[in-house]
Amino acid sequence: MKKRVLVSKPMHYVPQADAALKQAMEIIMSPAPTEEAMLPLMRDVHAVIAHGAPVSVKMIQAAPLLEVISTPQIGFDR
């Protein structure tokens, strides 16, 4: 069974890296980088790539399988 990764919005990957990720994991794209859009998808994911999206306590509590949250951005505001 592949682990599921929720991605908050499309990111510009290197094509080879994107292909490798898709082989190793199931990628779930959020319809929008908002709590309202991502919250219903949190239940079955193992990881979140929160690119430009907030991750609230409510979202974390809704994700019993969650292992990691990644915030690929610059700065210290998250």
PDB file of N, CA and C in Angstrom:
ATOM      1  N   MET A   1       0.835  -1.181   0.000  1.00  0.00           N
ATOM      2  CA  MET A   1       0.000   0.000   0.000  1.00  0.00           C
ATOM      3  C   MET A   1       0.886   1.252   0.000  1.00  0.00           C
ATOM      4  N   LYS A   2       0.612   2.142  -0.932  1.00  0.00           N
ATOM      5  CA  LYS A   2       1.373   3.387  -1.001  1.00  0.00           C
ATOM      6  C   LYS A   2       0.875   4.358   0.051  1.00  0.00           C
ATOM      7  N   LYS A   3       1.786   5.118   0.598  1.00  0.00           N
ATOM      8  CA  LYS A   3       1.401   6.180   1.525  1.00  0.00           C
ATOM      9  C   LYS A   3       0.787   7.315   0.722  1.00  0.00           C
ATOM     10  N   ARG A   4      -0.174   8.002   1.341  1.00  0.00           N
ATOM     11  CA  ARG A   4      -0.865   9.104   0.673  1.00  0.00           C
ATOM     12  C   ARG A   4      -0.288  10.435   1.145  1.00  0.00           C
ATOM     13  N   VAL A   5      -0.038  11.306   0.164  1.00  0.00           N
ATOM     14  CA  VAL A   5       0.517  12.625   0.435  1.00  0.00           C
ATOM     15  C   VAL A   5      -0.442  13.673  -0.109  1.00  0.00           C
ATOM     16  N   LEU A   6      -0.873  14.568   0.758  1.00  0.00           N
ATOM     17  CA  LEU A   6      -1.745  15.672   0.360  1.00  0.00           C
ATOM     18  C   LEU A   6      -0.871  16.862  -0.003  1.00  0.00           C
ATOM     19  N   VAL A   7      -1.057  17.395  -1.197  1.00  0.00           N
ATOM     20  CA  VAL A   7      -0.303  18.553  -1.676  1.00  0.00           C
ATOM     21  C   VAL A   7      -1.280  19.718  -1.781  1.00  0.00           C
ATOM     22  N   SER A   8      -0.945  20.834  -1.135  1.00  0.00           N
ATOM     23  CA  SER A   8      -1.867  21.961  -1.050  1.00  0.00           C
ATOM     24  C   SER A   8      -2.086  22.688  -2.371  1.00  0.00           C
ATOM     25  N   LYS A   9      -1.060  22.757  -3.209  1.00  0.00           N
ATOM     26  CA  LYS A   9      -1.197  23.360  -4.536  1.00  0.00           C
ATOM     27  C   LYS A   9      -0.053  22.866  -5.404  1.00  0.00           C
ATOM     28  N   PRO A  10      -0.225  22.904  -6.723  1.00  0.00           N
ATOM     29  CA  PRO A  10       0.840  22.414  -7.606  1.00  0.00           C
ATOM     30  C   PRO A  10       2.152  23.150  -7.354  1.00  0.00           C
ATOM     31  N   MET A  11       3.224  22.382  -7.414  1.00  0.00           N
ATOM     32  CA  MET A  11       4.550  22.959  -7.264  1.00  0.00           C
ATOM     33  C   MET A  11       5.352  22.579  -8.499  1.00  0.00           C
ATOM     34  N   HIS A  12       6.374  23.328  -8.775  1.00  0.00           N
ATOM     35  CA  HIS A  12       7.207  23.067  -9.945  1.00  0.00           C
ATOM     36  C   HIS A  12       8.320  22.112  -9.542  1.00  0.00           C
ATOM     37  N   TYR A  13       8.143  20.859  -9.928  1.00  0.00           N
ATOM     38  CA  TYR A  13       9.129  19.818  -9.631  1.00  0.00           C
ATOM     39  C   TYR A  13      10.024  19.595 -10.837  1.00  0.00           C
ATOM     40  N   VAL A  14      11.121  18.972 -10.600  1.00  0.00           N
ATOM     41  CA  VAL A  14      11.926  18.419 -11.681  1.00  0.00           C
ATOM     42  C   VAL A  14      11.142  17.199 -12.170  1.00  0.00           C
ATOM     43  N   PRO A  15      10.919  17.044 -13.471  1.00  0.00           N
ATOM     44  CA  PRO A  15      10.088  15.924 -13.963  1.00  0.00           C
ATOM     45  C   PRO A  15      10.490  14.554 -13.422  1.00  0.00           C
ATOM     46  N   GLN A  16      11.783  14.287 -13.301  1.00  0.00           N
ATOM     47  CA  GLN A  16      12.227  12.988 -12.790  1.00  0.00           C
ATOM     48  C   GLN A  16      11.832  12.808 -11.323  1.00  0.00           C
ATOM     49  N   ALA A  17      11.895  13.882 -10.543  1.00  0.00           N
ATOM     50  CA  ALA A  17      11.511  13.802  -9.136  1.00  0.00           C
ATOM     51  C   ALA A  17      10.015  13.557  -9.015  1.00  0.00           C
ATOM     52  N   ASP A  18       9.221  14.210  -9.860  1.00  0.00           N
ATOM     53  CA  ASP A  18       7.774  14.026  -9.850  1.00  0.00           C
ATOM     54  C   ASP A  18       7.415  12.582 -10.169  1.00  0.00           C
ATOM     55  N   ALA A  19       8.062  12.005 -11.155  1.00  0.00           N
ATOM     56  CA  ALA A  19       7.803  10.615 -11.519  1.00  0.00           C
ATOM     57  C   ALA A  19       8.181   9.667 -10.383  1.00  0.00           C
ATOM     58  N   ALA A  20       9.293   9.935  -9.714  1.00  0.00           N
ATOM     59  CA  ALA A  20       9.725   9.098  -8.595  1.00  0.00           C
ATOM     60  C   ALA A  20       8.745   9.192  -7.432  1.00  0.00           C
ATOM     61  N   LEU A  21       8.261  10.401  -7.146  1.00  0.00           N
ATOM     62  CA  LEU A  21       7.276  10.565  -6.071  1.00  0.00           C
ATOM     63  C   LEU A  21       6.011   9.772  -6.361  1.00  0.00           C
ATOM     64  N   LYS A  22       5.533   9.860  -7.589  1.00  0.00           N
ATOM     65  CA  LYS A  22       4.292   9.166  -7.954  1.00  0.00           C
ATOM     66  C   LYS A  22       4.444   7.651  -7.906  1.00  0.00           C
ATOM     67  N   GLN A  23       5.644   7.137  -8.131  1.00  0.00           N
ATOM     68  CA  GLN A  23       5.874   5.693  -8.019  1.00  0.00           C
ATOM     69  C   GLN A  23       5.853   5.257  -6.564  1.00  0.00           C
ATOM     70  N   ALA A  24       6.378   6.101  -5.679  1.00  0.00           N
ATOM     71  CA  ALA A  24       6.525   5.735  -4.271  1.00  0.00           C
ATOM     72  C   ALA A  24       5.292   6.055  -3.435  1.00  0.00           C
ATOM     73  N   MET A  25       4.486   7.038  -3.857  1.00  0.00           N
ATOM     74  CA  MET A  25       3.364   7.506  -3.042  1.00  0.00           C
ATOM     75  C   MET A  25       2.147   7.811  -3.896  1.00  0.00           C
ATOM     76  N   GLU A  26       1.029   7.891  -3.235  1.00  0.00           N
ATOM     77  CA  GLU A  26      -0.193   8.349  -3.891  1.00  0.00           C
ATOM     78  C   GLU A  26      -0.330   9.843  -3.593  1.00  0.00           C
ATOM     79  N   ILE A  27      -0.326  10.658  -4.634  1.00  0.00           N
ATOM     80  CA  ILE A  27      -0.401  12.100  -4.482  1.00  0.00           C
ATOM     81  C   ILE A  27      -1.864  12.535  -4.571  1.00  0.00           C
ATOM     82  N   ILE A  28      -2.306  13.287  -3.577  1.00  0.00           N
ATOM     83  CA  ILE A  28      -3.668  13.837  -3.560  1.00  0.00           C
ATOM     84  C   ILE A  28      -3.539  15.355  -3.623  1.00  0.00           C
ATOM     85  N   MET A  29      -4.102  15.951  -4.665  1.00  0.00           N
ATOM     86  CA  MET A  29      -4.042  17.404  -4.817  1.00  0.00           C
ATOM     87  C   MET A  29      -5.264  18.038  -4.160  1.00  0.00           C
ATOM     88  N   SER A  30      -5.027  19.037  -3.354  1.00  0.00           N
ATOM     89  CA  SER A  30      -6.110  19.790  -2.741  1.00  0.00           C
ATOM     90  C   SER A  30      -6.705  20.725  -3.791  1.00  0.00           C
ATOM     91  N   PRO A  31      -8.019  20.935  -3.771  1.00  0.00           N
ATOM     92  CA  PRO A  31      -8.611  21.872  -4.724  1.00  0.00           C
ATOM     93  C   PRO A  31      -8.196  23.324  -4.470  1.00  0.00           C
ATOM     94  N   ALA A  32      -7.746  23.624  -3.260  1.00  0.00           N
ATOM     95  CA  ALA A  32      -7.286  24.970  -2.905  1.00  0.00           C
ATOM     96  C   ALA A  32      -6.386  24.868  -1.677  1.00  0.00           C
ATOM     97  N   PRO A  33      -5.457  25.810  -1.507  1.00  0.00           N
ATOM     98  CA  PRO A  33      -4.557  25.777  -0.345  1.00  0.00           C
ATOM     99  C   PRO A  33      -5.184  26.443   0.887  1.00  0.00           C
ATOM    100  N   THR A  34      -6.346  25.949   1.283  1.00  0.00           N
ATOM    101  CA  THR A  34      -7.058  26.511   2.437  1.00  0.00           C
ATOM    102  C   THR A  34      -7.453  25.401   3.394  1.00  0.00           C
ATOM    103  N   GLU A  35      -7.697  25.771   4.639  1.00  0.00           N
ATOM    104  CA  GLU A  35      -8.144  24.791   5.625  1.00  0.00           C
ATOM    105  C   GLU A  35      -9.453  24.148   5.193  1.00  0.00           C
ATOM    106  N   GLU A  36     -10.367  24.944   4.673  1.00  0.00           N
ATOM    107  CA  GLU A  36     -11.678  24.433   4.264  1.00  0.00           C
ATOM    108  C   GLU A  36     -11.558  23.359   3.180  1.00  0.00           C
ATOM    109  N   ALA A  37     -10.642  23.548   2.246  1.00  0.00           N
ATOM    110  CA  ALA A  37     -10.469  22.579   1.162  1.00  0.00           C
ATOM    111  C   ALA A  37      -9.679  21.354   1.607  1.00  0.00           C
ATOM    112  N   MET A  38      -8.696  21.561   2.473  1.00  0.00           N
ATOM    113  CA  MET A  38      -7.810  20.467   2.862  1.00  0.00           C
ATOM    114  C   MET A  38      -8.351  19.607   4.002  1.00  0.00           C
ATOM    115  N   LEU A  39      -9.131  20.191   4.879  1.00  0.00           N
ATOM    116  CA  LEU A  39      -9.618  19.470   6.067  1.00  0.00           C
ATOM    117  C   LEU A  39     -10.315  18.156   5.736  1.00  0.00           C
ATOM    118  N   PRO A  40     -11.238  18.105   4.776  1.00  0.00           N
ATOM    119  CA  PRO A  40     -11.893  16.821   4.488  1.00  0.00           C
ATOM    120  C   PRO A  40     -10.956  15.755   3.923  1.00  0.00           C
ATOM    121  N   LEU A  41      -9.812  16.154   3.424  1.00  0.00           N
ATOM    122  CA  LEU A  41      -8.855  15.207   2.830  1.00  0.00           C
ATOM    123  C   LEU A  41      -7.834  14.684   3.832  1.00  0.00           C
ATOM    124  N   MET A  42      -7.797  15.246   5.014  1.00  0.00           N
ATOM    125  CA  MET A  42      -6.760  14.926   6.002  1.00  0.00           C
ATOM    126  C   MET A  42      -6.892  13.531   6.620  1.00  0.00           C
ATOM    127  N   ARG A  43      -8.063  12.983   6.660  1.00  0.00           N
ATOM    128  CA  ARG A  43      -8.313  11.724   7.369  1.00  0.00           C
ATOM    129  C   ARG A  43      -7.427  10.563   6.912  1.00  0.00           C
ATOM    130  N   ASP A  44      -7.157  10.498   5.623  1.00  0.00           N
ATOM    131  CA  ASP A  44      -6.460   9.333   5.083  1.00  0.00           C
ATOM    132  C   ASP A  44      -5.052   9.613   4.572  1.00  0.00           C
ATOM    133  N   VAL A  45      -4.438  10.710   4.999  1.00  0.00           N
ATOM    134  CA  VAL A  45      -3.102  11.016   4.479  1.00  0.00           C
ATOM    135  C   VAL A  45      -2.021  10.760   5.518  1.00  0.00           C
ATOM    136  N   HIS A  46      -0.848  10.411   5.013  1.00  0.00           N
ATOM    137  CA  HIS A  46       0.312  10.148   5.860  1.00  0.00           C
ATOM    138  C   HIS A  46       1.244  11.350   5.927  1.00  0.00           C
ATOM    139  N   ALA A  47       1.127  12.223   4.914  1.00  0.00           N
ATOM    140  CA  ALA A  47       1.990  13.404   4.851  1.00  0.00           C
ATOM    141  C   ALA A  47       1.249  14.549   4.179  1.00  0.00           C
ATOM    142  N   VAL A  48       1.686  15.762   4.497  1.00  0.00           N
ATOM    143  CA  VAL A  48       1.128  16.961   3.876  1.00  0.00           C
ATOM    144  C   VAL A  48       2.288  17.819   3.392  1.00  0.00           C
ATOM    145  N   ILE A  49       2.208  18.226   2.130  1.00  0.00           N
ATOM    146  CA  ILE A  49       3.127  19.237   1.614  1.00  0.00           C
ATOM    147  C   ILE A  49       2.291  20.510   1.544  1.00  0.00           C
ATOM    148  N   ALA A  50       2.478  21.360   2.529  1.00  0.00           N
ATOM    149  CA  ALA A  50       1.665  22.562   2.706  1.00  0.00           C
ATOM    150  C   ALA A  50       2.376  23.759   2.093  1.00  0.00           C
ATOM    151  N   HIS A  51       2.375  23.809   0.786  1.00  0.00           N
ATOM    152  CA  HIS A  51       3.043  24.887   0.051  1.00  0.00           C
ATOM    153  C   HIS A  51       2.114  26.096   0.007  1.00  0.00           C
ATOM    154  N   GLY A  52       2.435  27.102   0.821  1.00  0.00           N
ATOM    155  CA  GLY A  52       1.614  28.312   0.861  1.00  0.00           C
ATOM    156  C   GLY A  52       0.291  28.138   1.560  1.00  0.00           C
ATOM    157  N   ALA A  53       0.161  27.102   2.356  1.00  0.00           N
ATOM    158  CA  ALA A  53      -1.102  26.827   3.048  1.00  0.00           C
ATOM    159  C   ALA A  53      -0.866  26.706   4.551  1.00  0.00           C
ATOM    160  N   PRO A  54      -1.782  27.228   5.334  1.00  0.00           N
ATOM    161  CA  PRO A  54      -1.662  27.048   6.782  1.00  0.00           C
ATOM    162  C   PRO A  54      -2.050  25.622   7.171  1.00  0.00           C
ATOM    163  N   VAL A  55      -1.431  25.108   8.219  1.00  0.00           N
ATOM    164  CA  VAL A  55      -1.826  23.815   8.771  1.00  0.00           C
ATOM    165  C   VAL A  55      -2.241  24.080  10.210  1.00  0.00           C
ATOM    166  N   SER A  56      -3.525  23.935  10.466  1.00  0.00           N
ATOM    167  CA  SER A  56      -4.075  24.261  11.780  1.00  0.00           C
ATOM    168  C   SER A  56      -4.088  23.040  12.696  1.00  0.00           C
ATOM    169  N   VAL A  57      -4.297  23.301  13.958  1.00  0.00           N
ATOM    170  CA  VAL A  57      -4.445  22.222  14.939  1.00  0.00           C
ATOM    171  C   VAL A  57      -5.626  21.337  14.553  1.00  0.00           C
ATOM    172  N   LYS A  58      -6.683  21.935  14.079  1.00  0.00           N
ATOM    173  CA  LYS A  58      -7.876  21.196  13.651  1.00  0.00           C
ATOM    174  C   LYS A  58      -7.531  20.206  12.526  1.00  0.00           C
ATOM    175  N   MET A  59      -6.695  20.643  11.601  1.00  0.00           N
ATOM    176  CA  MET A  59      -6.283  19.761  10.502  1.00  0.00           C
ATOM    177  C   MET A  59      -5.436  18.603  11.019  1.00  0.00           C
ATOM    178  N   ILE A  60      -4.522  18.891  11.910  1.00  0.00           N
ATOM    179  CA  ILE A  60      -3.661  17.842  12.469  1.00  0.00           C
ATOM    180  C   ILE A  60      -4.491  16.831  13.255  1.00  0.00           C
ATOM    181  N   GLN A  61      -5.442  17.313  14.027  1.00  0.00           N
ATOM    182  CA  GLN A  61      -6.299  16.419  14.805  1.00  0.00           C
ATOM    183  C   GLN A  61      -7.181  15.547  13.916  1.00  0.00           C
ATOM    184  N   ALA A  62      -7.471  16.002  12.707  1.00  0.00           N
ATOM    185  CA  ALA A  62      -8.319  15.246  11.777  1.00  0.00           C
ATOM    186  C   ALA A  62      -7.527  14.198  10.996  1.00  0.00           C
ATOM    187  N   ALA A  63      -6.218  14.086  11.252  1.00  0.00           N
ATOM    188  CA  ALA A  63      -5.349  13.212  10.467  1.00  0.00           C
ATOM    189  C   ALA A  63      -4.681  12.155  11.340  1.00  0.00           C
ATOM    190  N   PRO A  64      -5.370  11.064  11.653  1.00  0.00           N
ATOM    191  CA  PRO A  64      -4.786  10.057  12.544  1.00  0.00           C
ATOM    192  C   PRO A  64      -3.570   9.332  11.966  1.00  0.00           C
ATOM    193  N   LEU A  65      -3.415   9.325  10.653  1.00  0.00           N
ATOM    194  CA  LEU A  65      -2.279   8.642  10.018  1.00  0.00           C
ATOM    195  C   LEU A  65      -1.101   9.568   9.760  1.00  0.00           C
ATOM    196  N   LEU A  66      -1.246  10.836  10.040  1.00  0.00           N
ATOM    197  CA  LEU A  66      -0.245  11.845   9.694  1.00  0.00           C
ATOM    198  C   LEU A  66       1.109  11.558  10.350  1.00  0.00           C
ATOM    199  N   GLU A  67       2.164  11.577   9.526  1.00  0.00           N
ATOM    200  CA  GLU A  67       3.524  11.341   9.998  1.00  0.00           C
ATOM    201  C   GLU A  67       4.414  12.568   9.840  1.00  0.00           C
ATOM    202  N   VAL A  68       4.153  13.365   8.811  1.00  0.00           N
ATOM    203  CA  VAL A  68       5.041  14.498   8.537  1.00  0.00           C
ATOM    204  C   VAL A  68       4.277  15.623   7.836  1.00  0.00           C
ATOM    205  N   ILE A  69       4.695  16.853   8.141  1.00  0.00           N
ATOM    206  CA  ILE A  69       4.186  18.041   7.460  1.00  0.00           C
ATOM    207  C   ILE A  69       5.402  18.772   6.902  1.00  0.00           C
ATOM    208  N   SER A  70       5.361  19.071   5.622  1.00  0.00           N
ATOM    209  CA  SER A  70       6.443  19.809   4.980  1.00  0.00           C
ATOM    210  C   SER A  70       5.905  21.162   4.524  1.00  0.00           C
ATOM    211  N   THR A  71       6.678  22.204   4.776  1.00  0.00           N
ATOM    212  CA  THR A  71       6.302  23.541   4.326  1.00  0.00           C
ATOM    213  C   THR A  71       7.445  24.081   3.469  1.00  0.00           C
ATOM    214  N   PRO A  72       7.446  23.759   2.173  1.00  0.00           N
ATOM    215  CA  PRO A  72       8.554  24.151   1.301  1.00  0.00           C
ATOM    216  C   PRO A  72       8.455  25.630   0.906  1.00  0.00           C
ATOM    217  N   GLN A  73       8.953  26.470   1.754  1.00  0.00           N
ATOM    218  CA  GLN A  73       8.922  27.904   1.490  1.00  0.00           C
ATOM    219  C   GLN A  73      10.078  28.566   2.221  1.00  0.00           C
ATOM    220  N   ILE A  74      10.231  29.823   1.968  1.00  0.00           N
ATOM    221  CA  ILE A  74      11.336  30.588   2.566  1.00  0.00           C
ATOM    222  C   ILE A  74      10.785  31.438   3.699  1.00  0.00           C
ATOM    223  N   GLY A  75      11.515  31.526   4.775  1.00  0.00           N
ATOM    224  CA  GLY A  75      11.121  32.395   5.882  1.00  0.00           C
ATOM    225  C   GLY A  75      10.782  31.621   7.135  1.00  0.00           C
ATOM    226  N   PHE A  76      10.371  32.365   8.151  1.00  0.00           N
ATOM    227  CA  PHE A  76      10.092  31.768   9.459  1.00  0.00           C
ATOM    228  C   PHE A  76       8.681  32.071   9.930  1.00  0.00           C
ATOM    229  N   ASP A  77       7.774  32.379   9.016  1.00  0.00           N
ATOM    230  CA  ASP A  77       6.433  32.799   9.393  1.00  0.00           C
ATOM    231  C   ASP A  77       5.441  31.664   9.577  1.00  0.00           C
ATOM    232  N   ARG A  78       5.823  30.430   9.378  1.00  0.00           N
ATOM    233  CA  ARG A  78       4.879  29.311   9.528  1.00  0.00           C
ATOM    234  C   ARG A  78       5.275  28.466  10.700  1.00  0.00           C
TER     235      ARG A  78
END
